Amino acid sequence: MTLLIFGAVLLGPTLMHVSWQIALYAAMSLTVIRVLPVAIAMLGSGAKWPTVGFLGWFGRRGLTSIVFAVITVQQARLAGVDTILRAAYLTIGVSVFADGITAAPLASRYARWYQTHPHHRRPPMESVHAPHHRARWTLGCCDGPPERSCPS
């Protein structure tokens, strides 16, 4: 719902004032600026490049970016607030659109790669199914903290 309101109220008017510099920033932000830090952060994980790329492309953004843009504008008292907000709004809008278009094909492609990757050569991060990485205690499963009421 937040992203729908964002698109209707903030993104629409922004599209009328987009410069080539803001468009270039949005493109760089969705590729190099987002993927490179993920790749650097995962250097010691042993994850293969398809995993790093997948996590880099589908990493957190959207609502988080909206909140950070608002905080930055309100707290920093920077010059060029309109440009900052337009760049943030365009980046978020293009990101939501790109994620929507690429989610199914890239998830299928990653799943095919994962299934054909030899099990004995997978690094630990890629060799255990996701449910095993999640906390054992979740709302609705147990009535308290794991140490008191959830079975081991």
N, C-alpha and C. Protein backbone atom coordinates (compact mmCIF):
# COMPACT_ATOMS: atom_id res chain seq x y z
N MET A 1 0.82 -1.17 0.00
CA MET A 1 0.00 0.00 0.00
C MET A 1 0.88 1.26 0.00
N THR A 2 1.95 1.22 0.78
CA THR A 2 2.85 2.37 0.85
C THR A 2 3.44 2.68 -0.52
N LEU A 3 3.86 1.64 -1.24
CA LEU A 3 4.46 1.86 -2.55
C LEU A 3 3.42 2.34 -3.57
N LEU A 4 2.18 1.93 -3.43
CA LEU A 4 1.12 2.42 -4.31
C LEU A 4 0.90 3.91 -4.08
N ILE A 5 0.82 4.32 -2.83
CA ILE A 5 0.68 5.73 -2.50
C ILE A 5 1.91 6.51 -2.97
N PHE A 6 3.08 5.94 -2.73
CA PHE A 6 4.33 6.57 -3.19
C PHE A 6 4.27 6.83 -4.69
N GLY A 7 3.88 5.85 -5.45
CA GLY A 7 3.83 6.00 -6.90
C GLY A 7 2.83 7.04 -7.34
N ALA A 8 1.68 7.06 -6.71
CA ALA A 8 0.62 7.99 -7.10
C ALA A 8 0.93 9.42 -6.68
N VAL A 9 1.48 9.60 -5.50
CA VAL A 9 1.66 10.95 -4.96
C VAL A 9 3.03 11.54 -5.26
N LEU A 10 4.07 10.75 -5.14
CA LEU A 10 5.43 11.30 -5.25
C LEU A 10 6.10 11.03 -6.59
N LEU A 11 5.95 9.81 -7.09
CA LEU A 11 6.68 9.45 -8.31
C LEU A 11 6.11 10.14 -9.55
N GLY A 12 4.81 10.21 -9.66
CA GLY A 12 4.19 10.83 -10.82
C GLY A 12 4.70 12.24 -11.09
N PRO A 13 4.59 13.15 -10.12
CA PRO A 13 5.12 14.50 -10.33
C PRO A 13 6.62 14.54 -10.57
N THR A 14 7.36 13.63 -9.97
CA THR A 14 8.81 13.60 -10.15
C THR A 14 9.17 13.30 -11.60
N LEU A 15 8.42 12.43 -12.25
CA LEU A 15 8.74 12.05 -13.63
C LEU A 15 8.73 13.24 -14.58
N MET A 16 8.01 14.29 -14.24
CA MET A 16 7.95 15.47 -15.09
C MET A 16 9.21 16.34 -14.98
N HIS A 17 10.05 16.07 -13.96
CA HIS A 17 11.22 16.90 -13.70
C HIS A 17 12.52 16.11 -13.67
N VAL A 18 12.56 14.98 -14.35
CA VAL A 18 13.75 14.14 -14.34
C VAL A 18 14.76 14.64 -15.38
N SER A 19 15.97 14.86 -14.92
CA SER A 19 17.06 15.24 -15.83
C SER A 19 17.85 13.99 -16.20
N TRP A 20 18.74 14.11 -17.17
CA TRP A 20 19.56 12.96 -17.53
C TRP A 20 20.49 12.58 -16.39
N GLN A 21 20.90 13.56 -15.57
CA GLN A 21 21.79 13.26 -14.45
C GLN A 21 21.07 12.42 -13.39
N ILE A 22 19.81 12.75 -13.14
CA ILE A 22 19.04 11.98 -12.17
C ILE A 22 18.77 10.58 -12.72
N ALA A 23 18.47 10.48 -13.99
CA ALA A 23 18.25 9.16 -14.61
C ALA A 23 19.53 8.32 -14.56
N LEU A 24 20.67 8.94 -14.83
CA LEU A 24 21.95 8.22 -14.75
C LEU A 24 22.22 7.75 -13.32
N TYR A 25 21.96 8.63 -12.35
CA TYR A 25 22.14 8.23 -10.96
C TYR A 25 21.25 7.04 -10.61
N ALA A 26 19.99 7.09 -11.03
CA ALA A 26 19.07 5.98 -10.73
C ALA A 26 19.59 4.67 -11.32
N ALA A 27 20.07 4.73 -12.56
CA ALA A 27 20.61 3.52 -13.20
C ALA A 27 21.84 3.01 -12.46
N MET A 28 22.72 3.92 -12.08
CA MET A 28 23.94 3.51 -11.33
C MET A 28 23.57 2.96 -9.95
N SER A 29 22.58 3.59 -9.33
CA SER A 29 22.17 3.16 -8.00
C SER A 29 21.59 1.75 -8.02
N LEU A 30 20.88 1.41 -9.08
CA LEU A 30 20.26 0.10 -9.16
C LEU A 30 21.24 -0.99 -9.59
N THR A 31 22.39 -0.60 -10.06
CA THR A 31 23.37 -1.60 -10.51
C THR A 31 24.62 -1.53 -9.65
N VAL A 32 25.56 -0.73 -10.02
CA VAL A 32 26.86 -0.68 -9.35
C VAL A 32 26.76 -0.29 -7.88
N ILE A 33 26.04 0.78 -7.59
CA ILE A 33 25.99 1.30 -6.22
C ILE A 33 25.34 0.31 -5.27
N ARG A 34 24.42 -0.51 -5.76
CA ARG A 34 23.76 -1.48 -4.90
C ARG A 34 24.45 -2.84 -4.92
N VAL A 35 24.87 -3.30 -6.06
CA VAL A 35 25.43 -4.64 -6.17
C VAL A 35 26.86 -4.71 -5.63
N LEU A 36 27.67 -3.70 -5.88
CA LEU A 36 29.06 -3.73 -5.44
C LEU A 36 29.22 -3.87 -3.92
N PRO A 37 28.50 -3.09 -3.09
CA PRO A 37 28.63 -3.29 -1.65
C PRO A 37 28.20 -4.69 -1.19
N VAL A 38 27.19 -5.25 -1.82
CA VAL A 38 26.77 -6.61 -1.48
C VAL A 38 27.90 -7.59 -1.81
N ALA A 39 28.50 -7.42 -2.98
CA ALA A 39 29.61 -8.30 -3.39
C ALA A 39 30.77 -8.18 -2.42
N ILE A 40 31.10 -6.97 -2.02
CA ILE A 40 32.20 -6.77 -1.07
C ILE A 40 31.86 -7.39 0.28
N ALA A 41 30.64 -7.18 0.75
CA ALA A 41 30.22 -7.72 2.04
C ALA A 41 30.23 -9.25 2.05
N MET A 42 30.05 -9.87 0.90
CA MET A 42 29.97 -11.33 0.84
C MET A 42 31.29 -12.00 0.47
N LEU A 43 32.37 -11.22 0.36
CA LEU A 43 33.66 -11.79 -0.05
C LEU A 43 34.08 -12.98 0.79
N GLY A 44 33.94 -12.93 2.08
CA GLY A 44 34.37 -14.03 2.93
C GLY A 44 33.35 -15.13 3.11
N SER A 45 32.19 -15.02 2.51
CA SER A 45 31.13 -15.99 2.73
C SER A 45 31.31 -17.29 1.95
N GLY A 46 32.09 -17.24 0.90
CA GLY A 46 32.24 -18.41 0.05
C GLY A 46 31.10 -18.59 -0.93
N ALA A 47 30.18 -17.66 -0.97
CA ALA A 47 29.04 -17.76 -1.89
C ALA A 47 29.52 -17.63 -3.33
N LYS A 48 28.89 -18.34 -4.21
CA LYS A 48 29.22 -18.29 -5.64
C LYS A 48 28.64 -17.01 -6.25
N TRP A 49 29.15 -16.61 -7.41
CA TRP A 49 28.72 -15.38 -8.06
C TRP A 49 27.22 -15.33 -8.36
N PRO A 50 26.58 -16.43 -8.74
CA PRO A 50 25.12 -16.34 -8.95
C PRO A 50 24.37 -15.94 -7.67
N THR A 51 24.83 -16.42 -6.53
CA THR A 51 24.20 -16.06 -5.26
C THR A 51 24.45 -14.60 -4.93
N VAL A 52 25.68 -14.16 -5.11
CA VAL A 52 26.03 -12.76 -4.84
C VAL A 52 25.22 -11.83 -5.76
N GLY A 53 25.14 -12.17 -7.03
CA GLY A 53 24.37 -11.35 -7.96
C GLY A 53 22.90 -11.32 -7.62
N PHE A 54 22.35 -12.46 -7.26
CA PHE A 54 20.94 -12.54 -6.89
C PHE A 54 20.64 -11.68 -5.67
N LEU A 55 21.47 -11.80 -4.65
CA LEU A 55 21.27 -11.00 -3.44
C LEU A 55 21.49 -9.51 -3.70
N GLY A 56 22.45 -9.19 -4.55
CA GLY A 56 22.71 -7.80 -4.89
C GLY A 56 21.56 -7.17 -5.65
N TRP A 57 21.01 -7.91 -6.59
CA TRP A 57 19.91 -7.37 -7.40
C TRP A 57 18.63 -7.24 -6.59
N PHE A 58 18.30 -8.24 -5.78
CA PHE A 58 17.05 -8.23 -5.03
C PHE A 58 17.22 -7.78 -3.59
N GLY A 59 18.31 -7.07 -3.30
CA GLY A 59 18.55 -6.59 -1.94
C GLY A 59 17.51 -5.60 -1.46
N ARG A 60 17.57 -5.25 -0.22
CA ARG A 60 16.58 -4.37 0.41
C ARG A 60 16.59 -2.98 -0.22
N ARG A 61 15.43 -2.50 -0.47
CA ARG A 61 15.23 -1.13 -0.94
C ARG A 61 13.73 -0.87 -0.96
N GLY A 62 13.32 0.23 -1.50
CA GLY A 62 11.90 0.55 -1.53
C GLY A 62 11.52 1.35 -0.31
N LEU A 63 10.78 0.75 0.62
CA LEU A 63 10.31 1.47 1.80
C LEU A 63 11.49 2.00 2.61
N THR A 64 12.53 1.22 2.75
CA THR A 64 13.72 1.66 3.46
C THR A 64 14.30 2.92 2.82
N SER A 65 14.36 2.94 1.51
CA SER A 65 14.89 4.11 0.79
C SER A 65 14.01 5.34 1.00
N ILE A 66 12.71 5.15 1.03
CA ILE A 66 11.80 6.27 1.27
C ILE A 66 12.08 6.86 2.65
N VAL A 67 12.19 6.00 3.64
CA VAL A 67 12.44 6.46 5.02
C VAL A 67 13.78 7.19 5.09
N PHE A 68 14.84 6.64 4.50
CA PHE A 68 16.15 7.29 4.54
C PHE A 68 16.14 8.63 3.81
N ALA A 69 15.43 8.72 2.70
CA ALA A 69 15.35 9.99 1.98
C ALA A 69 14.66 11.05 2.82
N VAL A 70 13.58 10.68 3.48
CA VAL A 70 12.85 11.63 4.32
C VAL A 70 13.72 12.07 5.50
N ILE A 71 14.37 11.13 6.15
CA ILE A 71 15.23 11.46 7.30
C ILE A 71 16.37 12.38 6.85
N THR A 72 17.00 12.05 5.74
CA THR A 72 18.10 12.87 5.24
C THR A 72 17.65 14.29 4.97
N VAL A 73 16.54 14.44 4.29
CA VAL A 73 16.05 15.78 3.95
C VAL A 73 15.67 16.56 5.20
N GLN A 74 15.03 15.91 6.15
CA GLN A 74 14.58 16.60 7.35
C GLN A 74 15.72 16.94 8.29
N GLN A 75 16.70 16.05 8.43
CA GLN A 75 17.75 16.23 9.42
C GLN A 75 18.98 16.97 8.92
N ALA A 76 19.34 16.79 7.67
CA ALA A 76 20.62 17.29 7.18
C ALA A 76 20.60 18.74 6.74
N ARG A 77 19.45 19.26 6.37
CA ARG A 77 19.34 20.62 5.88
C ARG A 77 20.34 20.89 4.75
N LEU A 78 20.27 20.04 3.75
CA LEU A 78 21.18 20.11 2.61
C LEU A 78 20.65 21.04 1.53
N ALA A 79 21.57 21.57 0.74
CA ALA A 79 21.18 22.29 -0.46
C ALA A 79 20.77 21.26 -1.51
N GLY A 80 19.89 21.63 -2.41
CA GLY A 80 19.50 20.71 -3.48
C GLY A 80 18.55 19.63 -3.05
N VAL A 81 17.71 19.92 -2.09
CA VAL A 81 16.77 18.92 -1.56
C VAL A 81 15.88 18.37 -2.67
N ASP A 82 15.42 19.23 -3.58
CA ASP A 82 14.56 18.77 -4.67
C ASP A 82 15.27 17.72 -5.52
N THR A 83 16.54 17.96 -5.83
CA THR A 83 17.31 17.01 -6.63
C THR A 83 17.50 15.69 -5.89
N ILE A 84 17.79 15.77 -4.61
CA ILE A 84 17.97 14.56 -3.80
C ILE A 84 16.68 13.74 -3.79
N LEU A 85 15.57 14.40 -3.55
CA LEU A 85 14.29 13.68 -3.51
C LEU A 85 13.92 13.12 -4.87
N ARG A 86 14.12 13.87 -5.93
CA ARG A 86 13.81 13.36 -7.27
C ARG A 86 14.65 12.13 -7.59
N ALA A 87 15.93 12.18 -7.24
CA ALA A 87 16.80 11.02 -7.48
C ALA A 87 16.34 9.81 -6.68
N ALA A 88 15.99 10.04 -5.42
CA ALA A 88 15.51 8.94 -4.57
C ALA A 88 14.20 8.38 -5.09
N TYR A 89 13.27 9.26 -5.43
CA TYR A 89 11.96 8.81 -5.91
C TYR A 89 12.08 8.04 -7.22
N LEU A 90 12.89 8.55 -8.15
CA LEU A 90 13.04 7.85 -9.43
C LEU A 90 13.71 6.49 -9.22
N THR A 91 14.74 6.47 -8.39
CA THR A 91 15.44 5.21 -8.12
C THR A 91 14.50 4.18 -7.51
N ILE A 92 13.70 4.58 -6.56
CA ILE A 92 12.75 3.67 -5.92
C ILE A 92 11.71 3.18 -6.93
N GLY A 93 11.17 4.10 -7.72
CA GLY A 93 10.16 3.72 -8.71
C GLY A 93 10.69 2.74 -9.73
N VAL A 94 11.87 3.02 -10.27
CA VAL A 94 12.47 2.12 -11.26
C VAL A 94 12.82 0.79 -10.61
N SER A 95 13.25 0.83 -9.37
CA SER A 95 13.61 -0.39 -8.65
C SER A 95 12.40 -1.30 -8.48
N VAL A 96 11.28 -0.74 -8.06
CA VAL A 96 10.06 -1.53 -7.88
C VAL A 96 9.63 -2.12 -9.22
N PHE A 97 9.68 -1.32 -10.27
CA PHE A 97 9.31 -1.78 -11.60
C PHE A 97 10.26 -2.90 -12.07
N ALA A 98 11.56 -2.68 -11.93
CA ALA A 98 12.55 -3.67 -12.37
C ALA A 98 12.43 -4.97 -11.58
N ASP A 99 12.21 -4.86 -10.28
CA ASP A 99 12.03 -6.07 -9.47
C ASP A 99 10.81 -6.86 -9.92
N GLY A 100 9.73 -6.14 -10.19
CA GLY A 100 8.51 -6.81 -10.63
C GLY A 100 8.69 -7.56 -11.94
N ILE A 101 9.43 -6.95 -12.86
CA ILE A 101 9.64 -7.58 -14.16
C ILE A 101 10.63 -8.75 -14.08
N THR A 102 11.65 -8.61 -13.24
CA THR A 102 12.72 -9.61 -13.24
C THR A 102 12.58 -10.69 -12.17
N ALA A 103 11.66 -10.54 -11.23
CA ALA A 103 11.58 -11.49 -10.12
C ALA A 103 11.39 -12.94 -10.58
N ALA A 104 10.38 -13.20 -11.36
CA ALA A 104 10.11 -14.59 -11.78
C ALA A 104 11.21 -15.15 -12.66
N PRO A 105 11.65 -14.46 -13.73
CA PRO A 105 12.68 -15.07 -14.56
C PRO A 105 14.03 -15.25 -13.84
N LEU A 106 14.43 -14.27 -13.02
CA LEU A 106 15.72 -14.43 -12.34
C LEU A 106 15.65 -15.45 -11.22
N ALA A 107 14.52 -15.55 -10.54
CA ALA A 107 14.37 -16.59 -9.50
C ALA A 107 14.40 -17.97 -10.15
N SER A 108 13.76 -18.14 -11.30
CA SER A 108 13.79 -19.42 -12.02
C SER A 108 15.20 -19.75 -12.49
N ARG A 109 15.87 -18.75 -13.00
CA ARG A 109 17.25 -18.95 -13.47
C ARG A 109 18.17 -19.35 -12.31
N TYR A 110 18.02 -18.67 -11.17
CA TYR A 110 18.84 -19.00 -10.00
C TYR A 110 18.51 -20.40 -9.50
N ALA A 111 17.23 -20.76 -9.49
CA ALA A 111 16.84 -22.10 -9.05
C ALA A 111 17.43 -23.17 -9.95
N ARG A 112 17.42 -22.93 -11.27
CA ARG A 112 18.04 -23.89 -12.21
C ARG A 112 19.53 -24.03 -11.93
N TRP A 113 20.21 -22.90 -11.71
CA TRP A 113 21.65 -22.95 -11.41
C TRP A 113 21.87 -23.74 -10.12
N TYR A 114 21.08 -23.46 -9.10
CA TYR A 114 21.23 -24.12 -7.81
C TYR A 114 21.04 -25.63 -7.94
N GLN A 115 20.03 -26.04 -8.70
CA GLN A 115 19.73 -27.46 -8.85
C GLN A 115 20.81 -28.21 -9.62
N THR A 116 21.48 -27.54 -10.53
CA THR A 116 22.53 -28.20 -11.32
C THR A 116 23.90 -28.09 -10.67
N HIS A 117 24.03 -27.28 -9.63
CA HIS A 117 25.31 -27.11 -8.94
C HIS A 117 25.56 -28.36 -8.09
N PRO A 118 26.73 -28.98 -8.21
CA PRO A 118 26.99 -30.20 -7.43
C PRO A 118 26.86 -29.95 -5.93
N HIS A 119 26.10 -30.82 -5.26
CA HIS A 119 25.86 -30.66 -3.82
C HIS A 119 27.15 -30.70 -3.01
N HIS A 120 28.08 -31.54 -3.37
CA HIS A 120 29.29 -31.69 -2.58
C HIS A 120 30.25 -30.51 -2.72
N ARG A 121 30.03 -29.65 -3.71
CA ARG A 121 30.91 -28.51 -3.92
C ARG A 121 30.28 -27.18 -3.50
N ARG A 122 29.08 -27.23 -2.93
CA ARG A 122 28.42 -26.00 -2.51
C ARG A 122 29.05 -25.48 -1.22
N PRO A 123 29.26 -24.17 -1.14
CA PRO A 123 29.72 -23.62 0.14
C PRO A 123 28.60 -23.74 1.18
N PRO A 124 28.94 -23.66 2.47
CA PRO A 124 27.92 -23.84 3.51
C PRO A 124 26.70 -22.94 3.33
N MET A 125 26.91 -21.72 2.89
CA MET A 125 25.79 -20.80 2.74
C MET A 125 24.77 -21.32 1.73
N GLU A 126 25.21 -22.00 0.72
CA GLU A 126 24.32 -22.46 -0.34
C GLU A 126 23.94 -23.93 -0.21
N SER A 127 24.38 -24.60 0.84
CA SER A 127 24.13 -26.03 0.94
C SER A 127 23.02 -26.39 1.91
N VAL A 128 22.51 -25.43 2.66
CA VAL A 128 21.46 -25.69 3.64
C VAL A 128 20.22 -24.92 3.20
N HIS A 129 19.08 -25.59 3.18
CA HIS A 129 17.84 -24.94 2.77
C HIS A 129 17.48 -23.81 3.73
N ALA A 130 16.81 -22.80 3.23
CA ALA A 130 16.47 -21.59 3.98
C ALA A 130 15.78 -21.86 5.32
N PRO A 131 14.82 -22.79 5.41
CA PRO A 131 14.16 -22.98 6.71
C PRO A 131 15.14 -23.33 7.83
N HIS A 132 16.27 -23.93 7.51
CA HIS A 132 17.25 -24.29 8.54
C HIS A 132 18.00 -23.07 9.03
N HIS A 133 18.00 -21.97 8.28
CA HIS A 133 18.67 -20.75 8.69
C HIS A 133 17.78 -19.87 9.55
N ARG A 134 16.48 -20.09 9.49
CA ARG A 134 15.53 -19.25 10.22
C ARG A 134 15.53 -19.61 11.69
N ALA A 135 15.14 -18.66 12.51
CA ALA A 135 15.01 -18.92 13.94
C ALA A 135 13.92 -19.96 14.16
N ARG A 136 14.09 -20.77 15.16
CA ARG A 136 13.10 -21.80 15.43
C ARG A 136 11.85 -21.23 16.05
N TRP A 137 11.95 -20.08 16.68
CA TRP A 137 10.80 -19.47 17.33
C TRP A 137 10.18 -18.44 16.42
N THR A 138 8.91 -18.60 16.12
CA THR A 138 8.17 -17.63 15.32
C THR A 138 6.83 -17.39 15.98
N LEU A 139 6.24 -16.24 15.72
CA LEU A 139 4.93 -15.96 16.29
C LEU A 139 3.93 -17.00 15.82
N GLY A 140 3.12 -17.45 16.72
CA GLY A 140 2.11 -18.43 16.38
C GLY A 140 2.60 -19.86 16.55
N CYS A 141 3.89 -20.04 16.64
CA CYS A 141 4.46 -21.38 16.80
C CYS A 141 4.62 -21.69 18.28
N CYS A 142 5.15 -20.74 18.99
CA CYS A 142 5.42 -20.93 20.41
C CYS A 142 4.90 -19.72 21.17
N ASP A 143 4.73 -19.88 22.47
CA ASP A 143 4.15 -18.79 23.25
C ASP A 143 5.17 -17.92 23.95
N GLY A 144 6.42 -18.14 23.78
CA GLY A 144 7.42 -17.34 24.47
C GLY A 144 8.75 -17.41 23.79
N PRO A 145 9.77 -16.88 24.43
CA PRO A 145 11.11 -16.93 23.87
C PRO A 145 11.56 -18.37 23.68
N PRO A 146 12.46 -18.63 22.75
CA PRO A 146 12.87 -20.00 22.47
C PRO A 146 13.42 -20.76 23.66
N GLU A 147 14.12 -20.07 24.55
CA GLU A 147 14.73 -20.79 25.67
C GLU A 147 13.70 -21.30 26.67
N ARG A 148 12.47 -20.75 26.65
CA ARG A 148 11.47 -21.19 27.60
C ARG A 148 10.45 -22.17 27.07
N SER A 149 9.98 -21.97 25.82
CA SER A 149 8.83 -22.77 25.42
C SER A 149 8.96 -23.47 24.08
N CYS A 150 10.00 -23.22 23.32
CA CYS A 150 10.11 -23.89 22.02
C CYS A 150 11.00 -25.12 22.14
N PRO A 151 10.59 -26.19 21.49
CA PRO A 151 11.43 -27.40 21.53
C PRO A 151 12.72 -27.17 20.73
N SER A 152 13.76 -27.82 21.13
CA SER A 152 15.05 -27.69 20.44
C SER A 152 15.08 -28.54 19.22
